[in-house]
Amino acid sequence: MDNDPDTSPKIAQRLHGDPDPQTQVERMIRVDHAGEYGAARIYEGQLAVLGNRPVGDAIRAMAEQEQRHLDTFDRMVVDRRVRPTALSPVWHVAGYALGVATAVMGERAAMACTVAVEEVIEEHYARQSEQLGDDEAELRDVIDEFRRDEIEHKTIGLDHIAGDNNVDVGAEPAGAYPALSQAIKSGSRLAIWLSTRV
């Protein structure tokens, strides 16, 4: 029996039938790339409606961070030769449509959308970070950094004060916030599951 300490990556500790560690890392990059693409499209849709309103500055700042995240995963997909999700055309339309729809519903609904999406992504990135071993420290560091950005976006959504009149448009006061939030969270979790596999 080999008594050497376990030097295998943390992600290699898996159940029978689970994908090998390399496939799991590729799936992580694929789904994160898809998620950042979808987030960028949501903010594009919101800016198309709310870009000239006071809340537009906050949305624009979050969109710029999401674009930086997307650019990073664009490079990883190429450098590591990871196949992007085949569902990119769906997320292209669905992300933008969600952004426009929530923005048309009002600033509070747009912020509620941000909070719901970022809560799911925050949890998603936390799970990924826990799964990655030291052999994937660079990817883990990227995921941890982006998770902090997503938490910041969630906080902006909850606490944002828009405009010179100090009108609170944070997500919490939105009338349909619980129902809207649940629908967006469910859709986000489904998108993660599908993008990991397809």
C-alpha atoms as a PDB file:
ATOM      1  CA  MET A   1       0.000   0.000   0.000  1.00  0.00           C
ATOM      2  CA  ASP A   2       1.305   3.430  -0.948  1.00  0.00           C
ATOM      3  CA  ASN A   3       1.892   5.528   2.182  1.00  0.00           C
ATOM      4  CA  ASP A   4       2.721   8.739   0.341  1.00  0.00           C
ATOM      5  CA  PRO A   5       0.610  11.691   1.436  1.00  0.00           C
ATOM      6  CA  ASP A   6      -2.251  12.499  -0.852  1.00  0.00           C
ATOM      7  CA  THR A   7      -0.888  14.987  -3.367  1.00  0.00           C
ATOM      8  CA  SER A   8      -3.863  14.763  -5.685  1.00  0.00           C
ATOM      9  CA  PRO A   9      -5.879  17.905  -6.258  1.00  0.00           C
ATOM     10  CA  LYS A  10      -8.692  18.544  -3.816  1.00  0.00           C
ATOM     11  CA  ILE A  11     -11.174  18.385  -6.664  1.00  0.00           C
ATOM     12  CA  ALA A  12     -10.077  14.788  -7.368  1.00  0.00           C
ATOM     13  CA  GLN A  13     -11.876  13.582  -4.229  1.00  0.00           C
ATOM     14  CA  ARG A  14     -15.081  12.654  -5.988  1.00  0.00           C
ATOM     15  CA  LEU A  15     -17.786  10.053  -6.094  1.00  0.00           C
ATOM     16  CA  HIS A  16     -17.902   7.156  -8.517  1.00  0.00           C
ATOM     17  CA  GLY A  17     -19.189   8.407 -11.855  1.00  0.00           C
ATOM     18  CA  ASP A  18     -18.138  12.017 -11.267  1.00  0.00           C
ATOM     19  CA  PRO A  19     -16.069  13.627 -14.014  1.00  0.00           C
ATOM     20  CA  ASP A  20     -12.293  13.639 -13.645  1.00  0.00           C
ATOM     21  CA  PRO A  21     -10.626  16.748 -12.137  1.00  0.00           C
ATOM     22  CA  GLN A  22      -9.656  18.217 -15.523  1.00  0.00           C
ATOM     23  CA  THR A  23     -13.228  17.924 -16.789  1.00  0.00           C
ATOM     24  CA  GLN A  24     -14.537  19.513 -13.575  1.00  0.00           C
ATOM     25  CA  VAL A  25     -12.186  22.490 -13.975  1.00  0.00           C
ATOM     26  CA  GLU A  26     -13.213  22.857 -17.620  1.00  0.00           C
ATOM     27  CA  ARG A  27     -16.859  22.826 -16.546  1.00  0.00           C
ATOM     28  CA  MET A  28     -16.142  25.527 -13.966  1.00  0.00           C
ATOM     29  CA  ILE A  29     -14.527  27.762 -16.554  1.00  0.00           C
ATOM     30  CA  ARG A  30     -17.324  27.066 -19.055  1.00  0.00           C
ATOM     31  CA  VAL A  31     -20.109  27.944 -16.622  1.00  0.00           C
ATOM     32  CA  ASP A  32     -18.300  30.972 -15.203  1.00  0.00           C
ATOM     33  CA  HIS A  33     -17.685  32.275 -18.704  1.00  0.00           C
ATOM     34  CA  ALA A  34     -21.385  31.805 -19.508  1.00  0.00           C
ATOM     35  CA  GLY A  35     -22.440  33.438 -16.241  1.00  0.00           C
ATOM     36  CA  GLU A  36     -20.308  36.497 -16.739  1.00  0.00           C
ATOM     37  CA  TYR A  37     -21.572  36.768 -20.305  1.00  0.00           C
ATOM     38  CA  GLY A  38     -25.163  36.607 -19.068  1.00  0.00           C
ATOM     39  CA  ALA A  39     -24.471  39.206 -16.357  1.00  0.00           C
ATOM     40  CA  ALA A  40     -22.913  41.574 -18.882  1.00  0.00           C
ATOM     41  CA  ARG A  41     -25.997  41.198 -21.078  1.00  0.00           C
ATOM     42  CA  ILE A  42     -28.358  41.860 -18.138  1.00  0.00           C
ATOM     43  CA  TYR A  43     -26.587  45.131 -17.409  1.00  0.00           C
ATOM     44  CA  GLU A  44     -26.603  46.063 -21.108  1.00  0.00           C
ATOM     45  CA  GLY A  45     -30.367  45.597 -21.117  1.00  0.00           C
ATOM     46  CA  GLN A  46     -30.808  47.644 -17.953  1.00  0.00           C
ATOM     47  CA  LEU A  47     -28.620  50.434 -19.306  1.00  0.00           C
ATOM     48  CA  ALA A  48     -30.674  50.555 -22.514  1.00  0.00           C
ATOM     49  CA  VAL A  49     -33.649  51.583 -20.373  1.00  0.00           C
ATOM     50  CA  LEU A  50     -32.112  53.275 -17.326  1.00  0.00           C
ATOM     51  CA  GLY A  51     -28.788  54.534 -18.671  1.00  0.00           C
ATOM     52  CA  ASN A  52     -29.803  58.200 -18.526  1.00  0.00           C
ATOM     53  CA  ARG A  53     -31.385  57.984 -15.057  1.00  0.00           C
ATOM     54  CA  PRO A  54     -29.382  58.553 -11.842  1.00  0.00           C
ATOM     55  CA  VAL A  55     -29.239  54.812 -11.158  1.00  0.00           C
ATOM     56  CA  GLY A  56     -27.512  54.387 -14.532  1.00  0.00           C
ATOM     57  CA  ASP A  57     -24.138  55.348 -13.065  1.00  0.00           C
ATOM     58  CA  ALA A  58     -24.276  52.507 -10.523  1.00  0.00           C
ATOM     59  CA  ILE A  59     -25.425  50.035 -13.177  1.00  0.00           C
ATOM     60  CA  ARG A  60     -22.676  51.221 -15.533  1.00  0.00           C
ATOM     61  CA  ALA A  61     -19.995  50.700 -12.847  1.00  0.00           C
ATOM     62  CA  MET A  62     -21.237  47.161 -12.160  1.00  0.00           C
ATOM     63  CA  ALA A  63     -21.389  46.458 -15.906  1.00  0.00           C
ATOM     64  CA  GLU A  64     -17.750  47.508 -16.269  1.00  0.00           C
ATOM     65  CA  GLN A  65     -16.710  45.035 -13.559  1.00  0.00           C
ATOM     66  CA  GLU A  66     -18.737  42.269 -15.193  1.00  0.00           C
ATOM     67  CA  GLN A  67     -17.051  43.044 -18.518  1.00  0.00           C
ATOM     68  CA  ARG A  68     -13.652  42.692 -16.827  1.00  0.00           C
ATOM     69  CA  HIS A  69     -14.768  39.319 -15.430  1.00  0.00           C
ATOM     70  CA  LEU A  70     -15.968  38.259 -18.881  1.00  0.00           C
ATOM     71  CA  ASP A  71     -12.689  39.352 -20.486  1.00  0.00           C
ATOM     72  CA  THR A  72     -10.786  37.215 -17.964  1.00  0.00           C
ATOM     73  CA  PHE A  73     -12.880  34.129 -18.696  1.00  0.00           C
ATOM     74  CA  ASP A  74     -12.658  34.833 -22.446  1.00  0.00           C
ATOM     75  CA  ARG A  75      -8.880  34.501 -22.078  1.00  0.00           C
ATOM     76  CA  MET A  76      -9.159  31.357 -19.937  1.00  0.00           C
ATOM     77  CA  VAL A  77     -11.443  29.681 -22.461  1.00  0.00           C
ATOM     78  CA  VAL A  78      -8.816  30.259 -25.157  1.00  0.00           C
ATOM     79  CA  ASP A  79      -5.703  29.574 -23.063  1.00  0.00           C
ATOM     80  CA  ARG A  80      -7.070  26.346 -21.590  1.00  0.00           C
ATOM     81  CA  ARG A  81      -8.924  25.307 -24.745  1.00  0.00           C
ATOM     82  CA  VAL A  82     -12.252  25.018 -22.979  1.00  0.00           C
ATOM     83  CA  ARG A  83     -15.320  24.639 -25.145  1.00  0.00           C
ATOM     84  CA  PRO A  84     -17.764  27.475 -24.374  1.00  0.00           C
ATOM     85  CA  THR A  85     -21.348  26.543 -23.664  1.00  0.00           C
ATOM     86  CA  ALA A  86     -23.466  25.859 -26.713  1.00  0.00           C
ATOM     87  CA  LEU A  87     -26.156  27.943 -25.006  1.00  0.00           C
ATOM     88  CA  SER A  88     -24.390  31.297 -25.520  1.00  0.00           C
ATOM     89  CA  PRO A  89     -26.994  32.449 -28.086  1.00  0.00           C
ATOM     90  CA  VAL A  90     -29.733  31.719 -25.538  1.00  0.00           C
ATOM     91  CA  TRP A  91     -27.936  33.665 -22.779  1.00  0.00           C
ATOM     92  CA  HIS A  92     -27.318  36.498 -25.251  1.00  0.00           C
ATOM     93  CA  VAL A  93     -31.060  36.993 -25.696  1.00  0.00           C
ATOM     94  CA  ALA A  94     -32.230  35.911 -22.227  1.00  0.00           C
ATOM     95  CA  GLY A  95     -29.746  38.094 -20.335  1.00  0.00           C
ATOM     96  CA  TYR A  96     -30.587  41.202 -22.320  1.00  0.00           C
ATOM     97  CA  ALA A  97     -34.330  40.499 -22.092  1.00  0.00           C
ATOM     98  CA  LEU A  98     -34.121  40.077 -18.312  1.00  0.00           C
ATOM     99  CA  GLY A  99     -32.209  43.341 -18.044  1.00  0.00           C
ATOM    100  CA  VAL A 100     -34.719  45.248 -20.157  1.00  0.00           C
ATOM    101  CA  ALA A 101     -37.746  43.674 -18.449  1.00  0.00           C
ATOM    102  CA  THR A 102     -36.577  44.446 -14.921  1.00  0.00           C
ATOM    103  CA  ALA A 103     -35.536  47.975 -15.920  1.00  0.00           C
ATOM    104  CA  VAL A 104     -38.940  48.629 -17.512  1.00  0.00           C
ATOM    105  CA  MET A 105     -40.521  47.502 -14.227  1.00  0.00           C
ATOM    106  CA  GLY A 106     -38.558  50.257 -12.519  1.00  0.00           C
ATOM    107  CA  GLU A 107     -35.327  50.978 -10.706  1.00  0.00           C
ATOM    108  CA  ARG A 108     -36.272  48.865  -7.682  1.00  0.00           C
ATOM    109  CA  ALA A 109     -36.946  45.853  -9.904  1.00  0.00           C
ATOM    110  CA  ALA A 110     -33.598  46.371 -11.661  1.00  0.00           C
ATOM    111  CA  MET A 111     -31.858  46.411  -8.282  1.00  0.00           C
ATOM    112  CA  ALA A 112     -33.870  43.355  -7.169  1.00  0.00           C
ATOM    113  CA  CYS A 113     -32.584  41.564 -10.262  1.00  0.00           C
ATOM    114  CA  THR A 114     -29.002  42.447  -9.334  1.00  0.00           C
ATOM    115  CA  VAL A 115     -29.453  41.189  -5.780  1.00  0.00           C
ATOM    116  CA  ALA A 116     -31.034  37.898  -6.880  1.00  0.00           C
ATOM    117  CA  VAL A 117     -28.440  37.125  -9.549  1.00  0.00           C
ATOM    118  CA  GLU A 118     -25.510  38.104  -7.345  1.00  0.00           C
ATOM    119  CA  GLU A 119     -26.731  35.982  -4.415  1.00  0.00           C
ATOM    120  CA  VAL A 120     -26.754  32.915  -6.650  1.00  0.00           C
ATOM    121  CA  ILE A 121     -23.361  33.739  -8.172  1.00  0.00           C
ATOM    122  CA  GLU A 122     -21.848  34.462  -4.761  1.00  0.00           C
ATOM    123  CA  GLU A 123     -22.904  30.978  -3.550  1.00  0.00           C
ATOM    124  CA  HIS A 124     -21.777  29.399  -6.823  1.00  0.00           C
ATOM    125  CA  TYR A 125     -18.305  30.946  -6.650  1.00  0.00           C
ATOM    126  CA  ALA A 126     -17.962  29.983  -2.958  1.00  0.00           C
ATOM    127  CA  ARG A 127     -18.667  26.313  -3.799  1.00  0.00           C
ATOM    128  CA  GLN A 128     -16.171  26.391  -6.658  1.00  0.00           C
ATOM    129  CA  SER A 129     -13.469  27.964  -4.496  1.00  0.00           C
ATOM    130  CA  GLU A 130     -13.929  25.244  -1.861  1.00  0.00           C
ATOM    131  CA  GLN A 131     -13.524  22.530  -4.505  1.00  0.00           C
ATOM    132  CA  LEU A 132     -10.280  23.826  -5.977  1.00  0.00           C
ATOM    133  CA  GLY A 133      -6.938  22.660  -4.629  1.00  0.00           C
ATOM    134  CA  ASP A 134      -3.576  24.390  -4.615  1.00  0.00           C
ATOM    135  CA  ASP A 135      -2.848  23.096  -8.115  1.00  0.00           C
ATOM    136  CA  GLU A 136      -5.582  25.506  -9.285  1.00  0.00           C
ATOM    137  CA  ALA A 137      -4.642  28.376  -6.966  1.00  0.00           C
ATOM    138  CA  GLU A 138      -4.679  30.919  -9.811  1.00  0.00           C
ATOM    139  CA  LEU A 139      -8.224  29.989 -10.850  1.00  0.00           C
ATOM    140  CA  ARG A 140      -9.302  29.939  -7.202  1.00  0.00           C
ATOM    141  CA  ASP A 141      -7.835  33.431  -6.673  1.00  0.00           C
ATOM    142  CA  VAL A 142      -9.741  34.743  -9.714  1.00  0.00           C
ATOM    143  CA  ILE A 143     -12.973  33.181  -8.482  1.00  0.00           C
ATOM    144  CA  ASP A 144     -12.456  34.610  -4.978  1.00  0.00           C
ATOM    145  CA  GLU A 145     -11.767  38.096  -6.378  1.00  0.00           C
ATOM    146  CA  PHE A 146     -14.831  37.994  -8.620  1.00  0.00           C
ATOM    147  CA  ARG A 147     -16.940  36.701  -5.735  1.00  0.00           C
ATOM    148  CA  ARG A 148     -15.995  39.802  -3.738  1.00  0.00           C
ATOM    149  CA  ASP A 149     -17.121  41.951  -6.678  1.00  0.00           C
ATOM    150  CA  GLU A 150     -20.442  40.096  -6.837  1.00  0.00           C
ATOM    151  CA  ILE A 151     -20.987  40.643  -3.100  1.00  0.00           C
ATOM    152  CA  GLU A 152     -20.318  44.350  -3.674  1.00  0.00           C
ATOM    153  CA  HIS A 153     -22.910  44.380  -6.479  1.00  0.00           C
ATOM    154  CA  LYS A 154     -25.443  42.722  -4.187  1.00  0.00           C
ATOM    155  CA  THR A 155     -24.771  45.374  -1.541  1.00  0.00           C
ATOM    156  CA  ILE A 156     -25.198  48.135  -4.127  1.00  0.00           C
ATOM    157  CA  GLY A 157     -28.527  46.613  -5.116  1.00  0.00           C
ATOM    158  CA  LEU A 158     -29.694  46.512  -1.509  1.00  0.00           C
ATOM    159  CA  ASP A 159     -28.359  49.864  -0.348  1.00  0.00           C
ATOM    160  CA  HIS A 160     -28.176  52.040  -3.438  1.00  0.00           C
ATOM    161  CA  ILE A 161     -29.327  55.632  -3.135  1.00  0.00           C
ATOM    162  CA  ALA A 162     -29.970  57.092  -6.576  1.00  0.00           C
ATOM    163  CA  GLY A 163     -30.077  60.696  -7.700  1.00  0.00           C
ATOM    164  CA  ASP A 164     -29.653  64.068  -6.089  1.00  0.00           C
ATOM    165  CA  ASN A 165     -32.939  63.692  -4.177  1.00  0.00           C
ATOM    166  CA  ASN A 166     -31.597  60.747  -2.153  1.00  0.00           C
ATOM    167  CA  VAL A 167     -34.471  58.584  -3.346  1.00  0.00           C
ATOM    168  CA  ASP A 168     -33.949  55.057  -2.072  1.00  0.00           C
ATOM    169  CA  VAL A 169     -34.289  52.569  -4.920  1.00  0.00           C
ATOM    170  CA  GLY A 170     -32.656  49.676  -3.099  1.00  0.00           C
ATOM    171  CA  ALA A 171     -34.020  46.234  -3.897  1.00  0.00           C
ATOM    172  CA  GLU A 172     -35.592  45.518  -0.514  1.00  0.00           C
ATOM    173  CA  PRO A 173     -38.550  47.952  -0.840  1.00  0.00           C
ATOM    174  CA  ALA A 174     -39.600  46.629  -4.256  1.00  0.00           C
ATOM    175  CA  GLY A 175     -43.234  45.556  -4.006  1.00  0.00           C
ATOM    176  CA  ALA A 176     -42.820  42.263  -5.877  1.00  0.00           C
ATOM    177  CA  TYR A 177     -39.277  41.689  -4.650  1.00  0.00           C
ATOM    178  CA  PRO A 178     -39.776  38.223  -3.086  1.00  0.00           C
ATOM    179  CA  ALA A 179     -41.566  36.761  -6.125  1.00  0.00           C
ATOM    180  CA  LEU A 180     -39.237  38.470  -8.603  1.00  0.00           C
ATOM    181  CA  SER A 181     -36.189  37.397  -6.630  1.00  0.00           C
ATOM    182  CA  GLN A 182     -37.277  33.758  -6.454  1.00  0.00           C
ATOM    183  CA  ALA A 183     -38.012  33.627 -10.186  1.00  0.00           C
ATOM    184  CA  ILE A 184     -34.624  35.137 -11.073  1.00  0.00           C
ATOM    185  CA  LYS A 185     -32.752  32.893  -8.622  1.00  0.00           C
ATOM    186  CA  SER A 186     -34.453  29.793 -10.024  1.00  0.00           C
ATOM    187  CA  GLY A 187     -33.626  30.853 -13.569  1.00  0.00           C
ATOM    188  CA  SER A 188     -30.018  31.598 -12.618  1.00  0.00           C
ATOM    189  CA  ARG A 189     -29.572  28.204 -10.966  1.00  0.00           C
ATOM    190  CA  LEU A 190     -31.031  26.477 -14.027  1.00  0.00           C
ATOM    191  CA  ALA A 191     -28.696  28.465 -16.282  1.00  0.00           C
ATOM    192  CA  ILE A 192     -25.709  27.360 -14.160  1.00  0.00           C
ATOM    193  CA  TRP A 193     -26.758  23.720 -14.321  1.00  0.00           C
ATOM    194  CA  LEU A 194     -27.309  23.811 -18.084  1.00  0.00           C
ATOM    195  CA  SER A 195     -24.164  25.805 -18.927  1.00  0.00           C
ATOM    196  CA  THR A 196     -22.000  23.431 -16.908  1.00  0.00           C
ATOM    197  CA  ARG A 197     -23.144  20.501 -19.051  1.00  0.00           C
ATOM    198  CA  VAL A 198     -24.113  21.834 -22.483  1.00  0.00           C
END
